[in-house]
Amino acid sequence: MNDGVSYSSYLRIDELLSLQRPLSRVAGRDEPHEMLFIVLPHVYELWFKQVLHEIDRVVELLDDGSAVRAGHTLKRILTIVKVMVAQMDVLETMTPIEFLTFRERLESGSGFQSAQFREVEFVLGHKRTSVLDEAGHSGEARTRLEGRLARPSVWSTFLHFLERRGHAIPPSVLEAPDTAPTAADDAVQEALVGVYRGDPEAAELCERLIELDEGLQEWR
């Protein structure tokens, strides 16, 4: 008899909980603090996945001119980022001595090697081709990064959104290669002044995009 979808089967809980495998346990010495060090990055990677999902939605909504819905989605992303920043407090409960009990097993492993975090950087406009090789990204991770590098950033999408609303965004900025990083531009700054003076709906979106970028930099 099929009882249908359960909480555990829908969320694949057994598979999820099987992924935390401390190296110290494999080596025959279970260091109690290593589990925390594994669980927290797993949580962060899940949040990165959700942030990327939501940002892709923001891009779609901006392309459609749906400012209110884009703003609501950005608010959700900002809430997630606040949770991510707050979670650092949990990691800070681990003392340096506790960390050193298993650190040598990590070898050259580092959070800076997170492909998803680099994807978030790319989608926010912090694009650098050197990132593709910095941490030896390969396979599916490299394919995802290359795809993000070649797609418009959320800021670029926002500038096109502003241009369609009648704001004077320079053609040179709108036509810049999607692989180029976001750069300061005096004409864009002047256009944003006009946005803040006469387009409160777009100005609120701009504020949330700036908050998002600052929030991710704080987490980093």
Protein backbone atom coordinates (compact mmCIF):
# COMPACT_ATOMS: atom_id res chain seq x y z
CA MET A 1 0.00 0.00 0.00
CA ASN A 2 1.33 3.40 -1.01
CA ASP A 3 0.93 5.95 1.77
CA GLY A 4 1.87 8.84 -0.53
CA VAL A 5 4.53 11.47 -0.04
CA SER A 6 5.81 11.89 3.51
CA TYR A 7 7.82 14.69 5.10
CA SER A 8 10.96 12.55 5.01
CA SER A 9 10.56 11.26 1.46
CA TYR A 10 9.64 14.66 0.00
CA LEU A 11 12.65 16.37 1.60
CA ARG A 12 14.91 13.31 1.22
CA ILE A 13 15.94 13.70 4.84
CA ASP A 14 17.85 10.43 5.07
CA GLU A 15 19.99 11.40 2.07
CA LEU A 16 20.54 14.90 3.43
CA LEU A 17 21.65 13.70 6.87
CA SER A 18 24.01 11.15 5.35
CA LEU A 19 26.15 13.88 3.78
CA GLN A 20 27.87 15.00 6.99
CA ARG A 21 30.93 12.75 7.13
CA PRO A 22 33.73 14.09 9.36
CA LEU A 23 37.19 13.12 8.14
CA SER A 24 38.24 12.57 11.72
CA ARG A 25 35.58 9.85 12.01
CA VAL A 26 36.88 8.17 8.85
CA ALA A 27 40.37 8.30 10.35
CA GLY A 28 39.10 6.54 13.45
CA ARG A 29 39.14 9.54 15.76
CA ASP A 30 35.86 11.42 16.01
CA GLU A 31 36.59 15.06 16.82
CA PRO A 32 33.29 16.43 18.20
CA HIS A 33 33.71 19.93 16.77
CA GLU A 34 34.20 18.89 13.16
CA MET A 35 30.49 18.15 12.73
CA LEU A 36 29.63 21.80 13.35
CA PHE A 37 32.27 22.86 10.83
CA ILE A 38 30.61 20.64 8.22
CA VAL A 39 26.97 21.39 8.99
CA LEU A 40 27.32 25.17 8.83
CA PRO A 41 28.85 25.31 5.31
CA HIS A 42 26.21 22.83 4.15
CA VAL A 43 23.57 25.26 5.41
CA TYR A 44 25.33 28.14 3.65
CA GLU A 45 25.47 26.24 0.35
CA LEU A 46 21.72 25.64 0.60
CA TRP A 47 21.15 29.35 1.22
CA PHE A 48 23.40 30.22 -1.74
CA LYS A 49 21.27 27.94 -3.89
CA GLN A 50 18.12 29.71 -2.75
CA VAL A 51 19.65 33.18 -3.21
CA LEU A 52 20.63 32.32 -6.78
CA HIS A 53 17.13 30.98 -7.42
CA GLU A 54 15.57 34.18 -6.10
CA ILE A 55 17.95 36.48 -7.98
CA ASP A 56 17.11 34.69 -11.22
CA ARG A 57 13.48 35.44 -10.41
CA VAL A 58 14.30 39.12 -9.83
CA VAL A 59 15.95 39.28 -13.26
CA GLU A 60 12.83 37.79 -14.87
CA LEU A 61 10.57 40.25 -13.07
CA LEU A 62 12.70 43.25 -14.01
CA ASP A 63 12.69 42.12 -17.63
CA ASP A 64 8.90 42.00 -17.39
CA GLY A 65 8.76 45.43 -15.74
CA SER A 66 7.21 44.00 -12.56
CA ALA A 67 8.76 46.41 -10.07
CA VAL A 68 6.56 45.56 -7.08
CA ARG A 69 7.09 41.81 -7.36
CA ALA A 70 10.83 42.30 -7.95
CA GLY A 71 10.98 44.42 -4.81
CA HIS A 72 9.17 41.75 -2.79
CA THR A 73 11.59 39.10 -4.01
CA LEU A 74 14.58 41.30 -3.17
CA LYS A 75 13.18 41.72 0.33
CA ARG A 76 13.14 37.94 0.70
CA ILE A 77 16.75 37.71 -0.48
CA LEU A 78 17.83 40.39 1.99
CA THR A 79 16.15 38.45 4.80
CA ILE A 80 18.07 35.32 3.79
CA VAL A 81 21.35 37.25 3.74
CA LYS A 82 20.66 38.58 7.25
CA VAL A 83 20.18 35.00 8.44
CA MET A 84 23.45 33.98 6.76
CA VAL A 85 25.36 36.78 8.46
CA ALA A 86 23.82 35.93 11.83
CA GLN A 87 24.83 32.29 11.48
CA MET A 88 28.48 33.28 11.73
CA ASP A 89 27.81 33.66 15.46
CA VAL A 90 27.37 29.90 15.65
CA LEU A 91 30.77 29.23 14.07
CA GLU A 92 32.39 31.72 16.43
CA THR A 93 31.43 29.52 19.38
CA MET A 94 34.24 27.21 18.23
CA THR A 95 37.54 28.11 19.84
CA PRO A 96 40.82 28.15 17.86
CA ILE A 97 42.01 25.11 19.79
CA GLU A 98 38.83 23.20 18.90
CA PHE A 99 39.31 24.10 15.25
CA LEU A 100 42.92 22.96 15.25
CA THR A 101 41.89 19.46 16.36
CA PHE A 102 40.81 18.70 12.77
CA ARG A 103 42.16 21.59 10.63
CA GLU A 104 45.09 19.64 9.19
CA ARG A 105 42.72 17.16 7.56
CA LEU A 106 41.21 19.96 5.45
CA GLU A 107 44.57 20.48 3.69
CA SER A 108 44.05 23.38 1.22
CA GLY A 109 40.26 23.35 1.54
CA SER A 110 38.70 26.79 2.02
CA GLY A 111 35.30 28.45 1.87
CA PHE A 112 36.68 30.70 -0.87
CA GLN A 113 36.43 27.65 -3.13
CA SER A 114 32.63 27.73 -3.00
CA ALA A 115 31.48 27.81 -6.63
CA GLN A 116 28.01 28.96 -5.62
CA PHE A 117 29.36 31.97 -3.76
CA ARG A 118 31.32 32.90 -6.88
CA GLU A 119 28.10 32.55 -8.84
CA VAL A 120 26.45 35.02 -6.48
CA GLU A 121 29.37 37.42 -7.00
CA PHE A 122 29.02 37.13 -10.77
CA VAL A 123 25.28 37.70 -10.76
CA LEU A 124 25.80 40.82 -8.63
CA GLY A 125 28.31 42.16 -11.17
CA HIS A 126 31.62 41.25 -9.50
CA LYS A 127 32.88 39.45 -12.59
CA ARG A 128 36.48 38.26 -12.93
CA THR A 129 37.51 35.59 -15.40
CA SER A 130 40.43 34.70 -13.12
CA VAL A 131 37.95 33.20 -10.65
CA LEU A 132 37.35 30.31 -13.04
CA ASP A 133 40.86 29.00 -12.36
CA GLU A 134 41.57 30.31 -8.87
CA ALA A 135 40.09 27.34 -7.01
CA GLY A 136 40.42 24.76 -9.74
CA HIS A 137 36.72 24.71 -10.57
CA SER A 138 35.92 21.97 -13.05
CA GLY A 139 33.04 19.95 -14.43
CA GLU A 140 29.54 21.12 -13.60
CA ALA A 141 30.74 23.87 -11.25
CA ARG A 142 32.89 25.46 -13.95
CA THR A 143 30.05 25.19 -16.47
CA ARG A 144 27.73 27.02 -14.08
CA LEU A 145 30.33 29.72 -13.46
CA GLU A 146 30.96 30.23 -17.16
CA GLY A 147 27.21 30.52 -17.69
CA ARG A 148 26.89 33.15 -14.95
CA LEU A 149 29.85 35.06 -16.32
CA ALA A 150 28.24 35.27 -19.77
CA ARG A 151 24.81 36.36 -18.51
CA PRO A 152 23.72 39.91 -17.57
CA SER A 153 24.14 40.77 -13.91
CA VAL A 154 21.12 41.81 -11.89
CA TRP A 155 22.49 45.39 -11.85
CA SER A 156 22.79 45.42 -15.64
CA THR A 157 19.21 44.14 -15.86
CA PHE A 158 18.13 46.90 -13.48
CA LEU A 159 19.78 49.57 -15.65
CA HIS A 160 17.88 48.28 -18.70
CA PHE A 161 14.74 48.38 -16.58
CA LEU A 162 15.43 52.03 -15.77
CA GLU A 163 16.07 52.88 -19.42
CA ARG A 164 12.68 51.44 -20.37
CA ARG A 165 11.11 53.68 -17.72
CA GLY A 166 12.58 56.73 -19.42
CA HIS A 167 15.75 57.27 -17.40
CA ALA A 168 18.85 58.38 -19.30
CA ILE A 169 21.15 55.38 -19.00
CA PRO A 170 24.09 55.76 -21.44
CA PRO A 171 24.03 53.37 -24.43
CA SER A 172 27.70 52.58 -23.77
CA VAL A 173 26.71 51.13 -20.40
CA LEU A 174 23.69 49.26 -21.73
CA GLU A 175 25.73 47.76 -24.56
CA ALA A 176 28.71 46.74 -22.43
CA PRO A 177 29.68 43.02 -22.66
CA ASP A 178 27.86 40.83 -20.16
CA THR A 179 31.22 39.44 -19.05
CA ALA A 180 32.41 42.91 -17.94
CA PRO A 181 32.32 43.76 -14.22
CA THR A 182 30.07 46.53 -12.95
CA ALA A 183 32.01 49.79 -13.02
CA ALA A 184 31.34 53.30 -11.72
CA ASP A 185 29.96 55.68 -14.33
CA ASP A 186 29.26 59.39 -13.81
CA ALA A 187 26.33 59.40 -16.24
CA VAL A 188 24.72 56.46 -14.45
CA GLN A 189 25.18 58.26 -11.12
CA GLU A 190 23.44 61.30 -12.56
CA ALA A 191 20.59 59.14 -13.85
CA LEU A 192 20.21 57.55 -10.41
CA VAL A 193 19.87 61.01 -8.88
CA GLY A 194 16.91 61.50 -11.19
CA VAL A 195 15.50 58.13 -10.14
CA TYR A 196 15.64 59.11 -6.47
CA ARG A 197 14.03 62.46 -7.19
CA GLY A 198 11.17 61.32 -9.38
CA ASP A 199 10.73 57.53 -9.40
CA PRO A 200 10.27 56.24 -5.83
CA GLU A 201 9.33 52.73 -6.97
CA ALA A 202 12.59 52.32 -8.90
CA ALA A 203 14.54 54.09 -6.14
CA GLU A 204 13.37 51.49 -3.62
CA LEU A 205 14.58 48.71 -5.92
CA CYS A 206 17.94 50.45 -6.19
CA GLU A 207 18.22 50.66 -2.41
CA ARG A 208 17.52 46.94 -2.04
CA LEU A 209 20.08 46.02 -4.68
CA ILE A 210 22.70 48.09 -2.87
CA GLU A 211 21.75 46.48 0.45
CA LEU A 212 22.05 43.05 -1.13
CA ASP A 213 25.55 43.72 -2.41
CA GLU A 214 26.63 45.15 0.94
CA GLY A 215 25.10 42.24 2.83
CA LEU A 216 26.98 39.64 0.79
CA GLN A 217 30.23 41.57 1.22
CA GLU A 218 29.63 41.61 4.98
CA TRP A 219 29.10 37.85 4.99
CA ARG A 220 32.31 37.35 3.05
